[in-house]
């Protein structure tokens, strides 16, 4: 799906430029690299594409979340509101920062419900992470309004909607910070990799320092010779990833345009079926068309239709049962089974809250995901395959689901 379908000569050419220098690290070795700084170029080009002030490339979307949360000074004793429908990495990053993720309900966009923020707030809430799930924007302006009202930090998780927008403004640029993911399944890919974006120079600097062991990258002194103001870790993207990212970024608008064409044909076929509806789009013009989400009247019909489609060779995803994208299905989260035997940060005495992951707190998610199916939308699809999908949809409907 998406960017990995289009890896070709552009990526090879960019990589060969790096290999000819022999320098695979993004920093240092100025004489040897002959002016080739692919990660830096990728960051600058990406910031320009999004229309934001600063972009920092890191090793993964998960790392981007951890780096951004650290820059925002989210940590022990804090709570962070996160939607129930999400990839597990968002929750993991909050826990890695020492804070507690609080599960919140969704609305009919299948993204974070702005009203759920106030429902789940406590005196310990410091931040909220809206997630633009499956290629579609959340109601980000309403979320920002609620956050401003309560003085909450906003970190946009845009791992799944790269290139998407809301009212003409690129996703990831509404909050105090945003992140993107470039793993092999994302809209554009560097194999692994991610990006932290912000318009706040102080937050960018803190991210920059933290992602490289606290180095402040002062060009007048040189990396590793400067003074440092904070400890950090190693989340640096390498030059080979940056090279692939540059080539992929040049294809992003084409990828989205092709996905929209393919999605339109599948949506037309589904729209002819009685009882089938569609996920509400907060802004249809901002859709990346990575997925199509469609609804059936109830859970039983959704499961039956999925089975009928499977029998016709048409694959769909039922996220209510998914063990990676629906928080109530994460047995290790429910058991507070963190990466250490002490179950930190749930057991941290600095944390005075009482978090729950009970489904009674997310009635919309239970109901909406229970009757919703998703299909992934490829960039390239042979006409024969498209016709096969459409026939499969029609046969499944004719069989009465």
Protein backbone atom coordinates (compact mmCIF):
# COMPACT_ATOMS: atom_id res chain seq x y z
CA UNK A 1 0.00 0.00 0.00
CA UNK A 2 0.95 3.64 -0.53
CA UNK A 3 4.60 4.67 -0.81
CA UNK A 4 6.11 1.20 -0.85
CA UNK A 5 4.25 0.55 -4.11
CA UNK A 6 6.29 3.26 -5.84
CA UNK A 7 9.87 2.59 -4.77
CA UNK A 8 11.93 2.95 -7.93
CA UNK A 9 14.62 4.86 -9.77
CA UNK A 10 14.13 8.12 -7.84
CA UNK A 11 14.87 6.40 -4.53
CA UNK A 12 17.85 4.55 -6.04
CA UNK A 13 19.34 7.77 -7.40
CA UNK A 14 19.04 9.50 -4.04
CA UNK A 15 20.59 6.52 -2.21
CA UNK A 16 23.48 6.27 -4.68
CA UNK A 17 24.42 9.89 -3.96
CA UNK A 18 24.81 8.93 -0.30
CA UNK A 19 26.72 5.72 -1.00
CA UNK A 20 29.18 7.58 -3.20
CA UNK A 21 30.18 9.70 -0.18
CA UNK A 22 30.42 6.74 2.18
CA UNK A 23 28.81 8.82 4.95
CA UNK A 24 25.63 7.24 6.28
CA UNK A 25 25.34 9.36 9.44
CA UNK A 26 23.45 12.64 9.26
CA UNK A 27 26.09 14.62 11.22
CA UNK A 28 29.78 15.41 10.86
CA UNK A 29 32.33 14.28 8.21
CA UNK A 30 31.89 17.51 6.26
CA UNK A 31 34.92 17.07 4.00
CA UNK A 32 34.01 13.54 3.02
CA UNK A 33 30.32 14.03 2.31
CA UNK A 34 30.77 16.67 -0.44
CA UNK A 35 27.79 18.73 0.59
CA UNK A 36 25.37 15.76 0.71
CA UNK A 37 23.03 16.10 3.70
CA UNK A 38 19.94 14.07 2.80
CA UNK A 39 18.24 14.10 6.20
CA UNK A 40 18.63 17.86 6.45
CA UNK A 41 17.22 18.26 2.92
CA UNK A 42 14.31 15.98 3.77
CA UNK A 43 13.50 18.01 6.88
CA UNK A 44 13.63 21.31 5.01
CA UNK A 45 11.53 20.00 2.12
CA UNK A 46 8.98 18.45 4.47
CA UNK A 47 8.62 21.60 6.54
CA UNK A 48 8.07 23.50 3.30
CA UNK A 49 5.45 21.00 2.13
CA UNK A 50 3.53 21.25 5.41
CA UNK A 51 3.97 24.98 5.75
CA UNK A 52 5.45 24.76 9.24
CA UNK A 53 8.50 26.31 10.79
CA UNK A 54 10.52 23.28 11.84
CA UNK A 55 10.79 19.57 11.06
CA UNK A 56 13.03 17.01 12.75
CA UNK A 57 13.52 13.55 11.24
CA UNK A 58 13.78 10.64 13.68
CA UNK A 59 13.94 6.84 13.63
CA UNK A 60 10.20 6.06 13.71
CA UNK A 61 6.76 7.50 14.29
CA UNK A 62 6.86 5.98 17.77
CA UNK A 63 10.17 7.74 18.45
CA UNK A 64 8.63 10.97 17.15
CA UNK A 65 5.88 10.69 19.76
CA UNK A 66 8.42 10.10 22.54
CA UNK A 67 10.61 12.99 21.38
CA UNK A 68 7.66 15.38 21.10
CA UNK A 69 6.22 14.43 24.51
CA UNK A 70 9.65 15.00 26.04
CA UNK A 71 9.95 18.38 24.34
CA UNK A 72 6.53 19.30 25.73
CA UNK A 73 7.77 18.32 29.21
CA UNK A 74 5.03 15.71 29.66
CA UNK A 75 6.10 13.26 32.34
CA UNK A 76 5.51 11.62 35.72
CA UNK A 77 2.27 12.62 37.41
CA UNK A 78 0.66 13.82 34.15
CA UNK A 79 -2.27 12.38 32.24
CA UNK A 80 -2.62 12.53 28.45
CA UNK A 81 -5.98 12.07 26.71
CA UNK A 82 -5.80 9.67 23.76
CA UNK A 83 -8.63 8.25 21.59
CA UNK A 84 -9.71 4.64 22.05
CA UNK A 85 -9.35 3.99 18.30
CA UNK A 86 -5.65 4.40 17.73
CA UNK A 87 -2.44 2.49 17.11
CA UNK A 88 -0.87 1.22 20.32
CA UNK A 89 2.32 3.27 19.86
CA UNK A 90 0.56 6.45 21.02
CA UNK A 91 -0.26 4.90 24.39
CA UNK A 92 3.20 3.33 24.63
CA UNK A 93 4.90 6.67 24.01
CA UNK A 94 2.90 8.34 26.79
CA UNK A 95 3.91 5.56 29.18
CA UNK A 96 7.54 5.79 28.01
CA UNK A 97 7.45 9.48 28.92
CA UNK A 98 6.34 8.48 32.43
CA UNK A 99 2.79 9.80 32.02
CA UNK A 100 -0.56 7.99 31.98
CA UNK A 101 -2.66 7.62 28.80
CA UNK A 102 -6.38 8.23 29.38
CA UNK A 103 -8.71 6.50 26.92
CA UNK A 104 -11.34 8.80 25.38
CA UNK A 105 -14.33 8.26 23.11
CA UNK A 106 -14.63 8.94 19.38
CA UNK A 107 -17.32 10.56 17.24
CA UNK A 108 -18.73 9.66 13.84
CA UNK A 109 -15.50 10.75 12.13
CA UNK A 110 -14.06 7.77 14.09
CA UNK A 111 -11.50 10.15 15.54
CA UNK A 112 -11.30 11.78 18.96
CA UNK A 113 -14.58 13.37 20.01
CA UNK A 114 -13.83 16.97 21.08
CA UNK A 115 -16.51 16.73 23.78
CA UNK A 116 -14.84 13.63 25.21
CA UNK A 117 -11.84 15.71 26.24
CA UNK A 118 -13.84 17.48 28.94
CA UNK A 119 -15.50 14.20 29.93
CA UNK A 120 -12.13 12.58 30.62
CA UNK A 121 -10.23 15.55 32.05
CA UNK A 122 -8.94 15.48 35.62
CA UNK A 123 -6.70 17.84 37.61
CA UNK A 124 -3.76 15.82 36.25
CA UNK A 125 -4.49 16.26 32.54
CA UNK A 126 -1.63 18.04 30.79
CA UNK A 127 -2.04 17.17 27.11
CA UNK A 128 -4.28 15.65 24.48
CA UNK A 129 -3.22 13.64 21.42
CA UNK A 130 -5.78 13.74 18.60
CA UNK A 131 -5.06 11.00 16.07
CA UNK A 132 -6.03 11.35 12.41
CA UNK A 133 -6.91 7.68 11.99
CA UNK A 134 -6.92 5.78 8.71
CA UNK A 135 -6.18 8.80 6.57
CA UNK A 136 -8.94 11.13 7.76
CA UNK A 137 -8.74 14.40 9.72
CA UNK A 138 -10.22 14.66 13.17
CA UNK A 139 -12.32 17.69 14.07
CA UNK A 140 -9.08 19.42 14.85
CA UNK A 141 -10.36 23.00 15.11
CA UNK A 142 -12.89 21.98 17.78
CA UNK A 143 -10.24 19.96 19.58
CA UNK A 144 -7.90 22.96 19.59
CA UNK A 145 -10.68 25.19 20.94
CA UNK A 146 -11.32 22.82 23.86
CA UNK A 147 -7.58 22.55 24.54
CA UNK A 148 -7.16 26.34 24.58
CA UNK A 149 -10.12 26.68 26.95
CA UNK A 150 -8.45 24.34 29.45
CA UNK A 151 -4.82 25.26 28.75
CA UNK A 152 -3.92 21.80 27.45
CA UNK A 153 -1.00 20.98 25.20
CA UNK A 154 -1.90 19.38 21.85
CA UNK A 155 0.29 16.85 20.06
CA UNK A 156 -1.19 15.78 16.70
CA UNK A 157 -0.54 12.16 15.81
CA UNK A 158 -0.62 12.28 12.02
CA UNK A 159 1.08 8.94 11.45
CA UNK A 160 -1.74 7.69 9.23
CA UNK A 161 -2.76 10.82 7.31
CA UNK A 162 0.46 12.20 5.84
CA UNK A 163 -0.41 14.89 3.30
CA UNK A 164 -3.96 15.26 4.60
CA UNK A 165 -5.46 18.62 5.52
CA UNK A 166 -8.33 20.37 7.25
CA UNK A 167 -9.75 23.46 5.54
CA UNK A 168 -6.59 23.79 3.48
CA UNK A 169 -4.14 23.58 6.39
CA UNK A 170 -1.95 20.49 6.57
CA UNK A 171 -2.57 18.02 9.35
CA UNK A 172 0.13 17.99 11.99
CA UNK A 173 0.45 21.79 12.01
CA UNK A 174 -2.56 22.70 14.18
CA UNK A 175 -1.23 21.59 17.57
CA UNK A 176 1.75 22.71 19.58
CA UNK A 177 3.55 19.82 17.89
CA UNK A 178 2.78 17.12 15.35
CA UNK A 179 4.31 13.80 14.35
CA UNK A 180 4.35 11.63 11.26
CA UNK A 181 5.40 8.07 10.52
CA UNK A 182 7.24 6.71 7.50
CA UNK A 183 7.24 2.98 8.21
CA UNK A 184 6.81 0.54 5.34
CA UNK A 185 2.99 0.69 5.36
CA UNK A 186 2.57 4.45 5.53
CA UNK A 187 1.56 6.94 2.81
CA UNK A 188 5.22 7.63 2.14
CA UNK A 189 7.93 5.41 3.53
CA UNK A 190 11.58 5.41 4.51
CA UNK A 191 11.32 1.78 5.67
CA UNK A 192 11.26 3.01 9.23
CA UNK A 193 11.34 6.65 10.24
CA UNK A 194 9.28 9.53 11.50
CA UNK A 195 9.10 13.31 11.75
CA UNK A 196 8.46 15.81 14.53
CA UNK A 197 7.01 19.13 13.36
CA UNK A 198 6.28 22.41 15.13
CA UNK A 199 6.17 26.17 14.68
CA UNK A 200 7.69 26.73 18.13
CA UNK A 201 11.47 27.20 18.02
CA UNK A 202 11.88 26.30 21.69
CA UNK A 203 10.00 23.02 21.24
CA UNK A 204 12.03 22.27 18.12
CA UNK A 205 15.29 22.92 19.96
CA UNK A 206 14.28 20.65 22.83
CA UNK A 207 13.35 17.93 20.34
CA UNK A 208 16.62 18.40 18.45
CA UNK A 209 18.70 18.18 21.61
CA UNK A 210 16.84 15.20 23.01
CA UNK A 211 16.97 13.12 19.83
CA UNK A 212 20.80 13.24 19.79
CA UNK A 213 22.07 12.80 23.35
CA UNK A 214 21.55 16.44 24.31
CA UNK A 215 23.86 17.87 21.61
CA UNK A 216 22.81 21.38 20.63
CA UNK A 217 24.33 21.14 17.11
CA UNK A 218 26.05 24.48 17.33
CA UNK A 219 27.77 24.84 13.92
CA UNK A 220 30.41 27.14 15.37
CA UNK A 221 31.64 24.42 17.72
CA UNK A 222 30.77 21.08 16.16
CA UNK A 223 28.75 18.17 17.42
CA UNK A 224 30.04 16.54 20.63
CA UNK A 225 32.25 19.52 21.50
CA UNK A 226 29.55 21.89 22.70
CA UNK A 227 27.94 22.46 26.09
CA UNK A 228 24.68 20.64 26.78
CA UNK A 229 21.59 21.68 28.72
CA UNK A 230 19.71 18.36 28.89
CA UNK A 231 20.24 14.63 28.66
CA UNK A 232 18.84 12.83 25.66
CA UNK A 233 18.95 9.61 23.70
CA UNK A 234 19.61 8.43 20.13
CA UNK A 235 16.65 8.78 17.77
CA UNK A 236 18.63 10.04 14.74
CA UNK A 237 17.47 9.26 11.19
CA UNK A 238 20.30 8.12 8.92
CA UNK A 239 21.21 9.42 5.48
CA UNK A 240 19.86 6.42 3.57
CA UNK A 241 16.43 6.96 5.12
CA UNK A 242 16.62 10.66 4.38
CA UNK A 243 17.46 9.92 0.76
CA UNK A 244 14.44 7.63 0.36
CA UNK A 245 12.27 10.19 2.13
CA UNK A 246 13.25 12.94 -0.31
CA UNK A 247 12.25 10.80 -3.27
CA UNK A 248 9.02 9.68 -1.64
CA UNK A 249 7.99 13.21 -0.68
CA UNK A 250 8.11 14.13 -4.35
CA UNK A 251 5.46 11.46 -4.98
CA UNK A 252 3.13 12.28 -2.08
CA UNK A 253 0.55 14.36 -3.94
CA UNK A 254 0.44 11.79 -6.74
CA UNK A 255 -0.11 8.99 -4.20
CA UNK A 256 -3.04 10.81 -2.63
CA UNK A 257 -4.59 11.67 -6.01
CA UNK A 258 -4.44 8.05 -7.19
CA UNK A 259 -5.84 6.74 -3.93
CA UNK A 260 -8.76 9.15 -4.22
CA UNK A 261 -9.57 7.87 -7.72
CA UNK A 262 -9.53 4.25 -6.56
CA UNK A 263 -11.50 5.01 -3.42
CA UNK A 264 -14.18 6.80 -5.44
CA UNK A 265 -14.85 3.71 -7.55
CA UNK A 266 -15.09 1.41 -4.54
CA UNK A 267 -17.29 3.88 -2.70
CA UNK A 268 -19.64 4.06 -5.67
CA UNK A 269 -20.07 0.29 -5.62
CA UNK A 270 -20.66 0.18 -1.87
CA UNK A 271 -23.07 3.12 -2.04
CA UNK A 272 -25.49 1.10 -4.16
CA UNK A 273 -26.12 -1.33 -1.31
CA UNK A 274 -29.11 -0.78 0.96
CA UNK A 275 -28.08 -0.12 4.54
CA UNK A 276 -24.47 0.79 3.76
CA UNK A 277 -23.30 4.20 4.95
CA UNK A 278 -19.91 5.83 5.22
CA UNK A 279 -17.65 7.27 7.86
CA UNK A 280 -18.25 11.01 8.18
CA UNK A 281 -15.38 13.06 6.84
CA UNK A 282 -14.53 16.19 8.80
CA UNK A 283 -13.21 17.66 5.53
CA UNK A 284 -13.59 15.60 2.38
CA UNK A 285 -11.02 17.73 0.54
CA UNK A 286 -8.45 16.82 3.19
CA UNK A 287 -8.96 13.06 2.76
CA UNK A 288 -5.78 11.10 1.92
CA UNK A 289 -7.98 8.17 0.79
CA UNK A 290 -5.66 5.61 2.38
CA UNK A 291 -8.73 3.72 3.63
CA UNK A 292 -12.47 3.66 3.11
CA UNK A 293 -14.62 3.17 6.19
CA UNK A 294 -18.20 2.05 5.66
CA UNK A 295 -20.99 1.14 8.06
CA UNK A 296 -23.73 -1.45 8.28
CA UNK A 297 -26.94 -1.10 10.34
CA UNK A 298 -25.60 -3.16 13.25
CA UNK A 299 -22.73 -5.35 14.41
CA UNK A 300 -24.28 -8.62 13.24
CA UNK A 301 -24.74 -7.31 9.71
CA UNK A 302 -21.20 -5.92 9.66
CA UNK A 303 -19.73 -9.28 10.60
CA UNK A 304 -21.93 -11.09 8.11
CA UNK A 305 -21.00 -8.71 5.29
CA UNK A 306 -17.32 -9.10 6.12
CA UNK A 307 -17.64 -12.88 5.83
CA UNK A 308 -19.54 -12.56 2.55
CA UNK A 309 -16.86 -10.27 1.14
CA UNK A 310 -14.11 -12.63 2.29
CA UNK A 311 -15.79 -15.48 0.43
CA UNK A 312 -15.61 -13.32 -2.70
CA UNK A 313 -11.92 -12.58 -2.18
CA UNK A 314 -12.42 -9.02 -0.87
CA UNK A 315 -10.47 -8.22 2.31
CA UNK A 316 -11.77 -5.86 4.98
CA UNK A 317 -10.73 -4.92 8.51
CA UNK A 318 -13.03 -5.07 11.54
CA UNK A 319 -11.23 -2.85 14.02
CA UNK A 320 -13.40 -3.64 17.02
CA UNK A 321 -11.66 -7.02 17.21
CA UNK A 322 -8.25 -5.63 16.25
CA UNK A 323 -5.51 -6.20 18.81
CA UNK A 324 -3.36 -3.30 17.61
CA UNK A 325 -5.78 -0.43 17.01
CA UNK A 326 -8.48 -0.60 19.69
CA UNK A 327 -7.40 0.07 23.27
CA UNK A 328 -9.87 -2.28 25.05
CA UNK A 329 -8.29 -5.20 23.15
CA UNK A 330 -4.80 -4.57 24.52
CA UNK A 331 -4.53 -7.14 27.30
CA UNK A 332 -1.11 -5.87 28.35
CA UNK A 333 -2.41 -2.32 28.77
CA UNK A 334 -5.42 -3.55 30.76
CA UNK A 335 -3.05 -5.57 32.99
CA UNK A 336 -0.73 -2.52 33.40
CA UNK A 337 2.06 -4.72 32.01
CA UNK A 338 4.61 -2.02 31.20
CA UNK A 339 8.21 -2.67 30.19
CA UNK A 340 9.37 -3.01 33.79
CA UNK A 341 8.33 -5.38 36.57
CA UNK A 342 7.29 -2.49 38.83
CA UNK A 343 4.48 -1.51 36.40
CA UNK A 344 5.84 2.04 36.26
CA UNK A 345 4.41 4.63 35.65
CA UNK A 346 1.04 3.24 36.83
CA UNK A 347 2.62 2.60 40.25
CA UNK A 348 4.49 5.90 40.41
CA UNK A 349 3.57 7.62 43.72
CA UNK A 350 3.68 10.96 41.89
CA UNK A 351 0.59 9.87 39.99
CA UNK A 352 -2.53 10.61 42.02
CA UNK A 353 -5.16 9.73 39.43
CA UNK A 354 -7.23 6.59 38.92
CA UNK A 355 -7.28 5.68 35.24
CA UNK A 356 -9.66 3.09 33.79
CA UNK A 357 -9.83 1.40 30.42
CA UNK A 358 -13.37 0.13 30.81
CA UNK A 359 -15.53 0.17 27.67
CA UNK A 360 -18.33 1.88 29.60
CA UNK A 361 -16.36 5.13 29.14
CA UNK A 362 -16.37 4.84 25.33
CA UNK A 363 -19.95 4.00 24.24
CA UNK A 364 -19.57 5.63 20.81
CA UNK A 365 -16.44 3.63 20.01
CA UNK A 366 -18.13 0.39 20.99
CA UNK A 367 -21.19 1.11 18.88
CA UNK A 368 -19.52 2.74 15.85
CA UNK A 369 -16.60 0.36 15.45
CA UNK A 370 -18.99 -2.53 16.00
CA UNK A 371 -20.76 -1.81 12.74
CA UNK A 372 -17.89 -0.41 10.65
CA UNK A 373 -15.63 -2.15 8.15
CA UNK A 374 -12.51 -0.74 6.50
CA UNK A 375 -10.78 -1.45 3.22
CA UNK A 376 -7.25 -0.31 2.38
CA UNK A 377 -6.94 1.66 -0.86
CA UNK A 378 -3.88 0.96 -3.01
CA UNK A 379 -2.12 3.49 -5.21
CA UNK A 380 -1.74 1.08 -8.07
CA UNK A 381 -4.52 -1.36 -8.88
CA UNK A 382 -4.95 -3.24 -12.11
CA UNK A 383 -8.31 -2.78 -13.81
CA UNK A 384 -8.91 -6.51 -13.55
CA UNK A 385 -8.40 -6.37 -9.78
CA UNK A 386 -10.66 -3.34 -9.41
CA UNK A 387 -13.41 -5.08 -11.38
CA UNK A 388 -12.95 -8.16 -9.18
CA UNK A 389 -13.44 -6.07 -6.03
CA UNK A 390 -16.56 -4.42 -7.44
CA UNK A 391 -18.00 -7.79 -8.50
CA UNK A 392 -17.24 -9.17 -5.05
CA UNK A 393 -19.10 -6.30 -3.42
CA UNK A 394 -22.09 -6.78 -5.71
CA UNK A 395 -22.21 -10.55 -5.17
CA UNK A 396 -21.96 -10.15 -1.39
CA UNK A 397 -24.88 -7.72 -1.45
CA UNK A 398 -26.94 -10.00 -3.70
CA UNK A 399 -26.36 -12.88 -1.29
CA UNK A 400 -28.17 -10.85 1.35
CA UNK A 401 -25.06 -10.58 3.53
